[in-house]
Amino acid sequence: MANYHVPSAKYFLSAACLTLVAMDVGGLWLVYRALDKGATAQAIGIVFLVLFNVVAIRHLLLREPTQISIDDDGSIEFHSPLKTTRGHVMDVTNIVRVEPGKHQINFKSNGWIQYREFPQHSSFLTELRRINPSIEEKVLVI
């Protein structure tokens, strides 16, 4: 069993979450001030902005894996603060570099998952190719 920790994702998550939480606190203060002045429409708009930030924290940031595990039988798990996604290395079709330092693994049946590059990334790719030699590596050109 091989475990890979993604420390850059943990740092990114903590910094991004802290920023969004600070924006939410500021937004709630603005709602209080707007309601105090009788500006209900502005308060409603700010509430929607705060709700958007909560959704961004939950769905965009907390699903990013902080640990990746590959078992000897070829099962692969991506552990994130929100959930654990499981698959099998034999179902991996390709690995795409979507931007510098960020990769996406595409599965035959389960869709895809993105992760940030980490120090043991080359040994991770070697382990994937050992189990499934047909995995292609691509670079997304924008």
N, C-alpha and C. Protein backbone atom coordinates (compact mmCIF):
# COMPACT_ATOMS: atom_id res chain seq x y z
N MET A 1 0.84 -1.18 0.00
CA MET A 1 0.00 0.00 0.00
C MET A 1 0.89 1.24 0.00
N ALA A 2 0.60 2.17 -0.89
CA ALA A 2 1.37 3.40 -0.99
C ALA A 2 0.48 4.58 -0.61
N ASN A 3 0.97 5.42 0.28
CA ASN A 3 0.24 6.63 0.69
C ASN A 3 1.04 7.85 0.26
N TYR A 4 0.34 8.80 -0.33
CA TYR A 4 0.97 10.05 -0.76
C TYR A 4 0.22 11.21 -0.14
N HIS A 5 0.95 12.07 0.54
CA HIS A 5 0.34 13.26 1.15
C HIS A 5 0.53 14.44 0.22
N VAL A 6 -0.48 15.28 0.13
CA VAL A 6 -0.45 16.45 -0.75
C VAL A 6 -0.41 17.69 0.14
N PRO A 7 0.79 18.05 0.63
CA PRO A 7 0.89 19.17 1.58
C PRO A 7 0.49 20.50 0.96
N SER A 8 0.74 20.69 -0.33
CA SER A 8 0.37 21.96 -0.95
C SER A 8 -1.14 22.16 -0.94
N ALA A 9 -1.90 21.07 -1.04
CA ALA A 9 -3.35 21.17 -1.00
C ALA A 9 -3.81 21.60 0.39
N LYS A 10 -3.16 21.07 1.43
CA LYS A 10 -3.54 21.45 2.79
C LYS A 10 -3.30 22.94 3.01
N TYR A 11 -2.16 23.45 2.54
CA TYR A 11 -1.87 24.86 2.69
C TYR A 11 -2.86 25.70 1.89
N PHE A 12 -3.12 25.27 0.64
CA PHE A 12 -4.06 26.00 -0.21
C PHE A 12 -5.45 26.03 0.43
N LEU A 13 -5.87 24.88 0.97
CA LEU A 13 -7.19 24.82 1.59
C LEU A 13 -7.28 25.75 2.79
N SER A 14 -6.28 25.75 3.62
CA SER A 14 -6.35 26.57 4.82
C SER A 14 -6.33 28.06 4.47
N ALA A 15 -5.49 28.46 3.52
CA ALA A 15 -5.42 29.87 3.13
C ALA A 15 -6.69 30.31 2.42
N ALA A 16 -7.19 29.49 1.51
CA ALA A 16 -8.40 29.86 0.76
C ALA A 16 -9.62 29.88 1.66
N CYS A 17 -9.73 28.89 2.55
CA CYS A 17 -10.87 28.86 3.47
C CYS A 17 -10.84 30.05 4.41
N LEU A 18 -9.67 30.38 4.91
CA LEU A 18 -9.56 31.53 5.80
C LEU A 18 -9.99 32.81 5.10
N THR A 19 -9.59 32.96 3.83
CA THR A 19 -9.98 34.14 3.06
C THR A 19 -11.49 34.21 2.87
N LEU A 20 -12.09 33.08 2.48
CA LEU A 20 -13.53 33.07 2.25
C LEU A 20 -14.32 33.26 3.55
N VAL A 21 -13.84 32.70 4.65
CA VAL A 21 -14.51 32.91 5.93
C VAL A 21 -14.43 34.38 6.32
N ALA A 22 -13.28 35.02 6.09
CA ALA A 22 -13.16 36.45 6.39
C ALA A 22 -14.13 37.26 5.53
N MET A 23 -14.29 36.86 4.25
CA MET A 23 -15.25 37.54 3.39
C MET A 23 -16.68 37.36 3.90
N ASP A 24 -16.98 36.17 4.43
CA ASP A 24 -18.32 35.91 4.96
C ASP A 24 -18.60 36.76 6.20
N VAL A 25 -17.61 36.87 7.08
CA VAL A 25 -17.79 37.71 8.28
C VAL A 25 -18.00 39.16 7.87
N GLY A 26 -17.20 39.63 6.91
CA GLY A 26 -17.39 40.99 6.41
C GLY A 26 -18.75 41.16 5.75
N GLY A 27 -19.19 40.14 5.02
CA GLY A 27 -20.51 40.20 4.38
C GLY A 27 -21.63 40.27 5.39
N LEU A 28 -21.52 39.49 6.47
CA LEU A 28 -22.56 39.54 7.51
C LEU A 28 -22.58 40.91 8.20
N TRP A 29 -21.42 41.50 8.37
CA TRP A 29 -21.38 42.84 8.95
C TRP A 29 -22.07 43.84 8.02
N LEU A 30 -21.82 43.70 6.69
CA LEU A 30 -22.48 44.58 5.72
C LEU A 30 -23.99 44.37 5.71
N VAL A 31 -24.44 43.13 5.89
CA VAL A 31 -25.89 42.86 5.98
C VAL A 31 -26.46 43.59 7.19
N TYR A 32 -25.79 43.51 8.31
CA TYR A 32 -26.25 44.20 9.51
C TYR A 32 -26.34 45.70 9.28
N ARG A 33 -25.31 46.27 8.66
CA ARG A 33 -25.30 47.72 8.40
C ARG A 33 -26.40 48.11 7.42
N ALA A 34 -26.60 47.28 6.37
CA ALA A 34 -27.63 47.58 5.38
C ALA A 34 -29.03 47.51 5.99
N LEU A 35 -29.26 46.50 6.82
CA LEU A 35 -30.57 46.39 7.47
C LEU A 35 -30.79 47.52 8.47
N ASP A 36 -29.71 47.94 9.10
CA ASP A 36 -29.79 49.04 10.06
C ASP A 36 -30.21 50.33 9.36
N LYS A 37 -29.81 50.51 8.11
CA LYS A 37 -30.16 51.71 7.35
C LYS A 37 -31.44 51.53 6.54
N GLY A 38 -32.06 50.34 6.60
CA GLY A 38 -33.31 50.11 5.89
C GLY A 38 -33.13 49.70 4.43
N ALA A 39 -31.94 49.29 4.03
CA ALA A 39 -31.67 48.90 2.64
C ALA A 39 -31.83 47.38 2.52
N THR A 40 -33.06 46.94 2.41
CA THR A 40 -33.35 45.50 2.37
C THR A 40 -32.80 44.84 1.11
N ALA A 41 -32.92 45.49 -0.04
CA ALA A 41 -32.44 44.90 -1.30
C ALA A 41 -30.93 44.67 -1.26
N GLN A 42 -30.19 45.62 -0.71
CA GLN A 42 -28.75 45.44 -0.59
C GLN A 42 -28.41 44.28 0.35
N ALA A 43 -29.17 44.18 1.43
CA ALA A 43 -28.93 43.11 2.40
C ALA A 43 -29.17 41.74 1.76
N ILE A 44 -30.21 41.63 0.94
CA ILE A 44 -30.51 40.36 0.27
C ILE A 44 -29.38 40.01 -0.69
N GLY A 45 -28.87 40.99 -1.43
CA GLY A 45 -27.76 40.75 -2.35
C GLY A 45 -26.52 40.27 -1.63
N ILE A 46 -26.22 40.86 -0.49
CA ILE A 46 -25.04 40.46 0.28
C ILE A 46 -25.23 39.06 0.87
N VAL A 47 -26.45 38.72 1.27
CA VAL A 47 -26.72 37.37 1.78
C VAL A 47 -26.44 36.33 0.69
N PHE A 48 -26.85 36.63 -0.56
CA PHE A 48 -26.56 35.71 -1.65
C PHE A 48 -25.05 35.58 -1.89
N LEU A 49 -24.32 36.65 -1.73
CA LEU A 49 -22.87 36.59 -1.88
C LEU A 49 -22.25 35.72 -0.79
N VAL A 50 -22.72 35.85 0.43
CA VAL A 50 -22.22 35.02 1.54
C VAL A 50 -22.55 33.55 1.28
N LEU A 51 -23.76 33.26 0.80
CA LEU A 51 -24.13 31.88 0.50
C LEU A 51 -23.26 31.30 -0.62
N PHE A 52 -22.94 32.13 -1.61
CA PHE A 52 -22.05 31.68 -2.68
C PHE A 52 -20.68 31.29 -2.11
N ASN A 53 -20.17 32.08 -1.17
CA ASN A 53 -18.88 31.76 -0.55
C ASN A 53 -18.94 30.44 0.21
N VAL A 54 -20.04 30.19 0.89
CA VAL A 54 -20.19 28.92 1.61
C VAL A 54 -20.18 27.75 0.63
N VAL A 55 -20.87 27.89 -0.49
CA VAL A 55 -20.88 26.84 -1.51
C VAL A 55 -19.47 26.67 -2.09
N ALA A 56 -18.76 27.76 -2.31
CA ALA A 56 -17.40 27.68 -2.84
C ALA A 56 -16.48 26.94 -1.88
N ILE A 57 -16.60 27.22 -0.60
CA ILE A 57 -15.78 26.52 0.39
C ILE A 57 -16.07 25.03 0.35
N ARG A 58 -17.34 24.69 0.33
CA ARG A 58 -17.73 23.28 0.40
C ARG A 58 -17.39 22.51 -0.88
N HIS A 59 -17.76 23.03 -2.02
CA HIS A 59 -17.67 22.24 -3.24
C HIS A 59 -16.39 22.46 -4.05
N LEU A 60 -15.81 23.62 -3.99
CA LEU A 60 -14.62 23.86 -4.79
C LEU A 60 -13.34 23.60 -4.03
N LEU A 61 -13.33 23.86 -2.75
CA LEU A 61 -12.09 23.73 -1.99
C LEU A 61 -12.00 22.45 -1.18
N LEU A 62 -13.08 22.07 -0.51
CA LEU A 62 -13.00 20.94 0.40
C LEU A 62 -13.01 19.58 -0.29
N ARG A 63 -13.23 19.55 -1.61
CA ARG A 63 -13.17 18.26 -2.31
C ARG A 63 -11.79 17.97 -2.88
N GLU A 64 -10.86 18.89 -2.71
CA GLU A 64 -9.50 18.69 -3.22
C GLU A 64 -8.76 17.71 -2.31
N PRO A 65 -8.19 16.62 -2.90
CA PRO A 65 -7.56 15.59 -2.08
C PRO A 65 -6.32 16.09 -1.34
N THR A 66 -6.20 15.66 -0.10
CA THR A 66 -5.02 15.95 0.70
C THR A 66 -4.17 14.70 0.92
N GLN A 67 -4.73 13.53 0.58
CA GLN A 67 -3.98 12.27 0.66
C GLN A 67 -4.50 11.33 -0.43
N ILE A 68 -3.56 10.60 -1.05
CA ILE A 68 -3.89 9.63 -2.09
C ILE A 68 -3.31 8.29 -1.67
N SER A 69 -4.13 7.24 -1.70
CA SER A 69 -3.68 5.90 -1.31
C SER A 69 -3.88 4.93 -2.47
N ILE A 70 -2.87 4.10 -2.72
CA ILE A 70 -2.97 3.03 -3.72
C ILE A 70 -2.70 1.71 -3.00
N ASP A 71 -3.69 0.80 -3.05
CA ASP A 71 -3.53 -0.52 -2.44
C ASP A 71 -2.83 -1.46 -3.40
N ASP A 72 -2.35 -2.59 -2.86
CA ASP A 72 -1.65 -3.58 -3.67
C ASP A 72 -2.56 -4.21 -4.73
N ASP A 73 -3.89 -4.24 -4.46
CA ASP A 73 -4.82 -4.82 -5.43
C ASP A 73 -5.19 -3.84 -6.54
N GLY A 74 -4.67 -2.60 -6.49
CA GLY A 74 -4.91 -1.62 -7.54
C GLY A 74 -6.01 -0.62 -7.24
N SER A 75 -6.65 -0.73 -6.08
CA SER A 75 -7.66 0.27 -5.74
C SER A 75 -6.97 1.56 -5.32
N ILE A 76 -7.58 2.67 -5.69
CA ILE A 76 -7.01 3.99 -5.40
C ILE A 76 -8.05 4.81 -4.68
N GLU A 77 -7.61 5.55 -3.65
CA GLU A 77 -8.50 6.39 -2.87
C GLU A 77 -7.94 7.80 -2.80
N PHE A 78 -8.80 8.77 -2.99
CA PHE A 78 -8.46 10.18 -2.86
C PHE A 78 -9.20 10.70 -1.63
N HIS A 79 -8.46 11.02 -0.58
CA HIS A 79 -9.06 11.48 0.67
C HIS A 79 -9.05 13.01 0.69
N SER A 80 -10.21 13.60 0.92
CA SER A 80 -10.32 15.05 1.04
C SER A 80 -11.11 15.35 2.30
N PRO A 81 -11.12 16.61 2.76
CA PRO A 81 -11.91 16.94 3.95
C PRO A 81 -13.40 16.68 3.77
N LEU A 82 -13.90 16.71 2.54
CA LEU A 82 -15.33 16.55 2.30
C LEU A 82 -15.72 15.09 2.12
N LYS A 83 -14.92 14.31 1.38
CA LYS A 83 -15.29 12.91 1.13
C LYS A 83 -14.06 12.13 0.67
N THR A 84 -14.25 10.83 0.54
CA THR A 84 -13.24 9.94 -0.01
C THR A 84 -13.78 9.36 -1.31
N THR A 85 -13.01 9.53 -2.38
CA THR A 85 -13.40 9.00 -3.69
C THR A 85 -12.56 7.77 -3.96
N ARG A 86 -13.24 6.68 -4.34
CA ARG A 86 -12.56 5.42 -4.60
C ARG A 86 -12.67 5.04 -6.07
N GLY A 87 -11.66 4.38 -6.56
CA GLY A 87 -11.66 3.88 -7.92
C GLY A 87 -10.64 2.76 -8.04
N HIS A 88 -10.36 2.36 -9.26
CA HIS A 88 -9.36 1.33 -9.50
C HIS A 88 -8.39 1.85 -10.55
N VAL A 89 -7.13 1.54 -10.37
CA VAL A 89 -6.10 2.03 -11.28
C VAL A 89 -6.35 1.52 -12.71
N MET A 90 -6.93 0.33 -12.85
CA MET A 90 -7.21 -0.21 -14.18
C MET A 90 -8.30 0.58 -14.90
N ASP A 91 -9.09 1.37 -14.15
CA ASP A 91 -10.12 2.21 -14.76
C ASP A 91 -9.59 3.57 -15.19
N VAL A 92 -8.34 3.89 -14.85
CA VAL A 92 -7.75 5.17 -15.22
C VAL A 92 -7.42 5.17 -16.71
N THR A 93 -7.95 6.15 -17.43
CA THR A 93 -7.65 6.23 -18.87
C THR A 93 -6.45 7.11 -19.14
N ASN A 94 -6.38 8.27 -18.47
CA ASN A 94 -5.24 9.16 -18.67
C ASN A 94 -5.10 10.14 -17.51
N ILE A 95 -3.96 10.78 -17.49
CA ILE A 95 -3.68 11.84 -16.52
C ILE A 95 -3.37 13.09 -17.32
N VAL A 96 -4.11 14.16 -17.06
CA VAL A 96 -3.97 15.40 -17.82
C VAL A 96 -3.45 16.49 -16.89
N ARG A 97 -2.42 17.18 -17.33
CA ARG A 97 -1.96 18.37 -16.59
C ARG A 97 -2.81 19.53 -17.06
N VAL A 98 -3.73 20.00 -16.21
CA VAL A 98 -4.68 21.03 -16.61
C VAL A 98 -4.13 22.44 -16.44
N GLU A 99 -3.18 22.59 -15.54
CA GLU A 99 -2.47 23.87 -15.35
C GLU A 99 -1.19 23.54 -14.60
N PRO A 100 -0.24 24.46 -14.56
CA PRO A 100 1.01 24.15 -13.86
C PRO A 100 0.76 23.77 -12.40
N GLY A 101 1.21 22.59 -12.03
CA GLY A 101 1.06 22.13 -10.66
C GLY A 101 -0.27 21.48 -10.35
N LYS A 102 -1.16 21.33 -11.33
CA LYS A 102 -2.46 20.72 -11.09
C LYS A 102 -2.75 19.68 -12.16
N HIS A 103 -3.19 18.50 -11.74
CA HIS A 103 -3.43 17.38 -12.64
C HIS A 103 -4.86 16.86 -12.47
N GLN A 104 -5.31 16.15 -13.49
CA GLN A 104 -6.63 15.55 -13.46
C GLN A 104 -6.51 14.10 -13.91
N ILE A 105 -7.08 13.18 -13.10
CA ILE A 105 -7.11 11.77 -13.47
C ILE A 105 -8.50 11.47 -14.01
N ASN A 106 -8.56 10.91 -15.22
CA ASN A 106 -9.83 10.55 -15.84
C ASN A 106 -10.05 9.05 -15.71
N PHE A 107 -11.25 8.68 -15.24
CA PHE A 107 -11.63 7.28 -15.08
C PHE A 107 -12.61 6.89 -16.17
N LYS A 108 -12.66 5.60 -16.50
CA LYS A 108 -13.59 5.10 -17.51
C LYS A 108 -15.04 5.30 -17.07
N SER A 109 -15.33 5.03 -15.81
CA SER A 109 -16.73 5.04 -15.37
C SER A 109 -17.05 6.13 -14.35
N ASN A 110 -16.11 6.49 -13.50
CA ASN A 110 -16.41 7.39 -12.39
C ASN A 110 -16.13 8.85 -12.65
N GLY A 111 -15.87 9.25 -13.88
CA GLY A 111 -15.60 10.65 -14.17
C GLY A 111 -14.14 11.00 -13.97
N TRP A 112 -13.87 12.07 -13.20
CA TRP A 112 -12.51 12.55 -13.04
C TRP A 112 -12.34 13.14 -11.66
N ILE A 113 -11.06 13.34 -11.28
CA ILE A 113 -10.73 14.03 -10.03
C ILE A 113 -9.45 14.82 -10.26
N GLN A 114 -9.43 16.03 -9.71
CA GLN A 114 -8.24 16.89 -9.83
C GLN A 114 -7.47 16.89 -8.52
N TYR A 115 -6.16 17.03 -8.64
CA TYR A 115 -5.31 17.09 -7.46
C TYR A 115 -4.12 17.99 -7.76
N ARG A 116 -3.51 18.50 -6.70
CA ARG A 116 -2.32 19.34 -6.84
C ARG A 116 -1.07 18.46 -6.83
N GLU A 117 -0.06 18.92 -7.57
CA GLU A 117 1.20 18.17 -7.60
C GLU A 117 1.84 18.18 -6.22
N PHE A 118 2.52 17.09 -5.89
CA PHE A 118 3.13 16.95 -4.57
C PHE A 118 4.54 16.40 -4.74
N PRO A 119 5.38 16.43 -3.68
CA PRO A 119 6.79 16.07 -3.83
C PRO A 119 7.03 14.66 -4.38
N GLN A 120 6.19 13.67 -4.04
CA GLN A 120 6.39 12.31 -4.51
C GLN A 120 5.59 12.02 -5.79
N HIS A 121 5.30 13.05 -6.57
CA HIS A 121 4.43 12.89 -7.74
C HIS A 121 5.01 11.91 -8.76
N SER A 122 6.31 11.94 -8.99
CA SER A 122 6.90 11.02 -9.98
C SER A 122 6.79 9.57 -9.52
N SER A 123 6.98 9.29 -8.24
CA SER A 123 6.83 7.91 -7.77
C SER A 123 5.35 7.49 -7.80
N PHE A 124 4.44 8.43 -7.59
CA PHE A 124 3.00 8.16 -7.71
C PHE A 124 2.66 7.73 -9.14
N LEU A 125 3.17 8.47 -10.13
CA LEU A 125 2.92 8.13 -11.53
C LEU A 125 3.55 6.79 -11.89
N THR A 126 4.75 6.52 -11.36
CA THR A 126 5.42 5.24 -11.61
C THR A 126 4.58 4.09 -11.05
N GLU A 127 4.03 4.27 -9.86
CA GLU A 127 3.19 3.23 -9.25
C GLU A 127 1.92 3.00 -10.07
N LEU A 128 1.31 4.09 -10.55
CA LEU A 128 0.12 3.94 -11.40
C LEU A 128 0.45 3.17 -12.67
N ARG A 129 1.56 3.52 -13.32
CA ARG A 129 1.94 2.85 -14.57
C ARG A 129 2.39 1.40 -14.35
N ARG A 130 2.89 1.10 -13.16
CA ARG A 130 3.25 -0.28 -12.85
C ARG A 130 2.00 -1.16 -12.84
N ILE A 131 0.93 -0.64 -12.28
CA ILE A 131 -0.31 -1.41 -12.20
C ILE A 131 -1.06 -1.37 -13.53
N ASN A 132 -1.08 -0.20 -14.18
CA ASN A 132 -1.80 -0.04 -15.45
C ASN A 132 -0.89 0.64 -16.47
N PRO A 133 -0.15 -0.13 -17.28
CA PRO A 133 0.80 0.46 -18.23
C PRO A 133 0.14 1.26 -19.36
N SER A 134 -1.18 1.11 -19.55
CA SER A 134 -1.84 1.81 -20.65
C SER A 134 -2.24 3.25 -20.32
N ILE A 135 -1.90 3.75 -19.13
CA ILE A 135 -2.24 5.11 -18.74
C ILE A 135 -1.43 6.09 -19.58
N GLU A 136 -2.13 7.05 -20.19
CA GLU A 136 -1.47 8.09 -20.99
C GLU A 136 -1.34 9.35 -20.15
N GLU A 137 -0.28 10.09 -20.43
CA GLU A 137 -0.11 11.38 -19.76
C GLU A 137 -0.22 12.47 -20.82
N LYS A 138 -1.07 13.46 -20.55
CA LYS A 138 -1.32 14.52 -21.52
C LYS A 138 -1.17 15.89 -20.84
N VAL A 139 -0.98 16.90 -21.67
CA VAL A 139 -0.93 18.27 -21.19
C VAL A 139 -2.05 19.03 -21.90
N LEU A 140 -2.91 19.67 -21.12
CA LEU A 140 -4.00 20.46 -21.69
C LEU A 140 -3.43 21.76 -22.22
N VAL A 141 -3.65 22.03 -23.50
CA VAL A 141 -3.15 23.25 -24.12
C VAL A 141 -4.32 24.22 -24.26
N ILE A 142 -4.14 25.39 -23.68
CA ILE A 142 -5.22 26.39 -23.74
C ILE A 142 -4.82 27.49 -24.71
